[in-house]
Amino acid sequence: MLTIYRSNKAEWLAEILGQELRLNPPEITEEVNIIVSTWPSSQWLSEKLSLVNDINALVKFPFPGTYLKKIVRTILDIDPNEEDSWDKNNLVWKILEVLPNLIQAEEANIIKT
């Protein structure tokens, strides 16, 4: 289920979210994803939720891009454990692998200098 609350007051949003999780707790194995834009905001929100609910089992705080990738991989039925070629750690090595051949092309003259 997707629920969206909007406000410029983070404290109010944290309180509403905490009450929602307390009144409608997830199943024992259900993962709750709360999309956040920064790591510090996930830490702050996690602390606020634990004050309201005492515990935050299976509450995850993914970034928007990470969560979107997960949704796309699920929809396209791609194994979540499969290596992501576009991940920055993998992409660098792929580029370095093909760069020696690409640098020989005439179009690469601009990056040779």
C-alpha atoms as a PDB file:
ATOM      1  CA  MET A   1       0.000   0.000   0.000  1.00  0.00           C
ATOM      2  CA  LEU A   2       1.236   3.465  -0.818  1.00  0.00           C
ATOM      3  CA  THR A   3       0.318   6.333   1.470  1.00  0.00           C
ATOM      4  CA  ILE A   4       1.594   9.855   0.931  1.00  0.00           C
ATOM      5  CA  TYR A   5       1.546  12.595   3.562  1.00  0.00           C
ATOM      6  CA  ARG A   6       2.878  16.050   2.788  1.00  0.00           C
ATOM      7  CA  SER A   7       3.963  18.760   5.162  1.00  0.00           C
ATOM      8  CA  ASN A   8       6.823  21.145   5.763  1.00  0.00           C
ATOM      9  CA  LYS A   9       6.939  20.023   9.414  1.00  0.00           C
ATOM     10  CA  ALA A  10       9.006  16.869   9.793  1.00  0.00           C
ATOM     11  CA  GLU A  11       7.938  16.404  13.411  1.00  0.00           C
ATOM     12  CA  TRP A  12       4.278  16.265  12.392  1.00  0.00           C
ATOM     13  CA  LEU A  13       5.011  13.748   9.637  1.00  0.00           C
ATOM     14  CA  ALA A  14       6.998  11.566  12.037  1.00  0.00           C
ATOM     15  CA  GLU A  15       4.149  11.661  14.560  1.00  0.00           C
ATOM     16  CA  ILE A  16       1.542  10.720  11.925  1.00  0.00           C
ATOM     17  CA  LEU A  17       3.738   7.895  10.625  1.00  0.00           C
ATOM     18  CA  GLY A  18       4.374   6.606  14.135  1.00  0.00           C
ATOM     19  CA  GLN A  19       0.660   6.608  14.927  1.00  0.00           C
ATOM     20  CA  GLU A  20      -0.124   4.864  11.622  1.00  0.00           C
ATOM     21  CA  LEU A  21       2.395   2.102  12.386  1.00  0.00           C
ATOM     22  CA  ARG A  22       1.068   1.761  15.944  1.00  0.00           C
ATOM     23  CA  LEU A  23      -2.609   1.633  14.961  1.00  0.00           C
ATOM     24  CA  ASN A  24      -2.101  -0.523  11.838  1.00  0.00           C
ATOM     25  CA  PRO A  25       1.004  -2.572  12.577  1.00  0.00           C
ATOM     26  CA  PRO A  26       2.521  -4.504   9.691  1.00  0.00           C
ATOM     27  CA  GLU A  27       2.549  -8.285   9.652  1.00  0.00           C
ATOM     28  CA  ILE A  28       5.392  -9.903  11.554  1.00  0.00           C
ATOM     29  CA  THR A  29       7.458 -10.479   8.383  1.00  0.00           C
ATOM     30  CA  GLU A  30       6.222  -7.485   6.381  1.00  0.00           C
ATOM     31  CA  GLU A  31       8.886  -4.993   5.396  1.00  0.00           C
ATOM     32  CA  VAL A  32       7.922  -1.320   5.698  1.00  0.00           C
ATOM     33  CA  ASN A  33       9.715   1.045   3.320  1.00  0.00           C
ATOM     34  CA  ILE A  34       9.848   4.728   4.206  1.00  0.00           C
ATOM     35  CA  ILE A  35      11.415   6.739   1.404  1.00  0.00           C
ATOM     36  CA  VAL A  36      13.874   9.381   2.615  1.00  0.00           C
ATOM     37  CA  SER A  37      16.138  11.814   0.818  1.00  0.00           C
ATOM     38  CA  THR A  38      19.134  11.792   3.184  1.00  0.00           C
ATOM     39  CA  TRP A  39      20.847   9.413   5.560  1.00  0.00           C
ATOM     40  CA  PRO A  40      20.562  11.797   8.548  1.00  0.00           C
ATOM     41  CA  SER A  41      16.809  12.094   7.995  1.00  0.00           C
ATOM     42  CA  SER A  42      16.510   8.295   8.099  1.00  0.00           C
ATOM     43  CA  GLN A  43      18.394   8.202  11.408  1.00  0.00           C
ATOM     44  CA  TRP A  44      16.274  10.974  12.905  1.00  0.00           C
ATOM     45  CA  LEU A  45      13.037   9.368  11.714  1.00  0.00           C
ATOM     46  CA  SER A  46      14.094   5.962  13.007  1.00  0.00           C
ATOM     47  CA  GLU A  47      14.678   7.459  16.461  1.00  0.00           C
ATOM     48  CA  LYS A  48      11.316   9.268  16.425  1.00  0.00           C
ATOM     49  CA  LEU A  49       9.471   6.097  15.397  1.00  0.00           C
ATOM     50  CA  SER A  50      11.104   4.031  18.104  1.00  0.00           C
ATOM     51  CA  LEU A  51       9.909   6.550  20.697  1.00  0.00           C
ATOM     52  CA  VAL A  52       6.327   6.055  19.522  1.00  0.00           C
ATOM     53  CA  ASN A  53       6.448   2.315  18.764  1.00  0.00           C
ATOM     54  CA  ASP A  54       9.290   1.111  21.017  1.00  0.00           C
ATOM     55  CA  ILE A  55      10.801  -0.904  18.144  1.00  0.00           C
ATOM     56  CA  ASN A  56      11.325  -0.619  14.394  1.00  0.00           C
ATOM     57  CA  ALA A  57      11.611  -4.180  13.171  1.00  0.00           C
ATOM     58  CA  LEU A  58      11.752  -4.497   9.384  1.00  0.00           C
ATOM     59  CA  VAL A  59      11.451  -0.742   8.822  1.00  0.00           C
ATOM     60  CA  LYS A  60      13.753   0.244   5.942  1.00  0.00           C
ATOM     61  CA  PHE A  61      14.661   3.752   4.806  1.00  0.00           C
ATOM     62  CA  PRO A  62      15.685   3.523   1.130  1.00  0.00           C
ATOM     63  CA  PHE A  63      16.514   6.493  -1.067  1.00  0.00           C
ATOM     64  CA  PRO A  64      14.069   7.199  -3.928  1.00  0.00           C
ATOM     65  CA  GLY A  65      16.397   5.876  -6.655  1.00  0.00           C
ATOM     66  CA  THR A  66      17.147   2.681  -4.751  1.00  0.00           C
ATOM     67  CA  TYR A  67      13.479   2.008  -4.151  1.00  0.00           C
ATOM     68  CA  LEU A  68      12.562   2.768  -7.765  1.00  0.00           C
ATOM     69  CA  LYS A  69      15.219   0.316  -8.988  1.00  0.00           C
ATOM     70  CA  LYS A  70      13.780  -2.334  -6.670  1.00  0.00           C
ATOM     71  CA  ILE A  71      10.267  -1.764  -8.037  1.00  0.00           C
ATOM     72  CA  VAL A  72      11.452  -1.895 -11.660  1.00  0.00           C
ATOM     73  CA  ARG A  73      13.441  -5.079 -11.036  1.00  0.00           C
ATOM     74  CA  THR A  74      10.376  -6.654  -9.412  1.00  0.00           C
ATOM     75  CA  ILE A  75       8.071  -5.648 -12.273  1.00  0.00           C
ATOM     76  CA  LEU A  76      10.536  -6.907 -14.897  1.00  0.00           C
ATOM     77  CA  ASP A  77      11.020 -10.124 -12.903  1.00  0.00           C
ATOM     78  CA  ILE A  78      14.782  -9.599 -12.565  1.00  0.00           C
ATOM     79  CA  ASP A  79      16.499 -11.506  -9.789  1.00  0.00           C
ATOM     80  CA  PRO A  80      17.182  -8.979  -6.994  1.00  0.00           C
ATOM     81  CA  ASN A  81      20.559 -10.654  -6.354  1.00  0.00           C
ATOM     82  CA  GLU A  82      21.649 -10.268  -9.974  1.00  0.00           C
ATOM     83  CA  GLU A  83      24.482  -7.817 -10.497  1.00  0.00           C
ATOM     84  CA  ASP A  84      23.303  -4.375 -11.626  1.00  0.00           C
ATOM     85  CA  SER A  85      25.461  -3.327 -14.582  1.00  0.00           C
ATOM     86  CA  TRP A  86      24.519   0.325 -14.063  1.00  0.00           C
ATOM     87  CA  ASP A  87      25.634   0.398 -10.433  1.00  0.00           C
ATOM     88  CA  LYS A  88      28.507   2.868 -10.078  1.00  0.00           C
ATOM     89  CA  ASN A  89      30.849   0.221  -8.655  1.00  0.00           C
ATOM     90  CA  ASN A  90      30.227  -2.120 -11.606  1.00  0.00           C
ATOM     91  CA  LEU A  91      30.008   0.500 -14.333  1.00  0.00           C
ATOM     92  CA  VAL A  92      33.511   1.852 -13.697  1.00  0.00           C
ATOM     93  CA  TRP A  93      35.039  -1.563 -14.294  1.00  0.00           C
ATOM     94  CA  LYS A  94      32.986  -2.114 -17.455  1.00  0.00           C
ATOM     95  CA  ILE A  95      34.158   1.234 -18.832  1.00  0.00           C
ATOM     96  CA  LEU A  96      37.781   0.493 -17.957  1.00  0.00           C
ATOM     97  CA  GLU A  97      37.430  -2.859 -19.690  1.00  0.00           C
ATOM     98  CA  VAL A  98      36.320  -1.382 -23.036  1.00  0.00           C
ATOM     99  CA  LEU A  99      38.248   1.908 -22.861  1.00  0.00           C
ATOM    100  CA  PRO A 100      41.508   0.666 -24.450  1.00  0.00           C
ATOM    101  CA  ASN A 101      39.675  -0.336 -27.634  1.00  0.00           C
ATOM    102  CA  LEU A 102      37.487   2.758 -27.664  1.00  0.00           C
ATOM    103  CA  ILE A 103      40.422   5.131 -27.258  1.00  0.00           C
ATOM    104  CA  GLN A 104      41.795   3.911 -30.610  1.00  0.00           C
ATOM    105  CA  ALA A 105      38.700   5.158 -32.464  1.00  0.00           C
ATOM    106  CA  GLU A 106      38.878   8.484 -34.282  1.00  0.00           C
ATOM    107  CA  GLU A 107      35.912   9.790 -32.286  1.00  0.00           C
ATOM    108  CA  ALA A 108      38.001   9.450 -29.119  1.00  0.00           C
ATOM    109  CA  ASN A 109      40.559  12.079 -30.170  1.00  0.00           C
ATOM    110  CA  ILE A 110      38.817  14.635 -27.985  1.00  0.00           C
ATOM    111  CA  ILE A 111      39.491  12.637 -24.802  1.00  0.00           C
ATOM    112  CA  LYS A 112      43.053  11.638 -25.676  1.00  0.00           C
ATOM    113  CA  THR A 113      44.457  15.042 -24.749  1.00  0.00           C
END
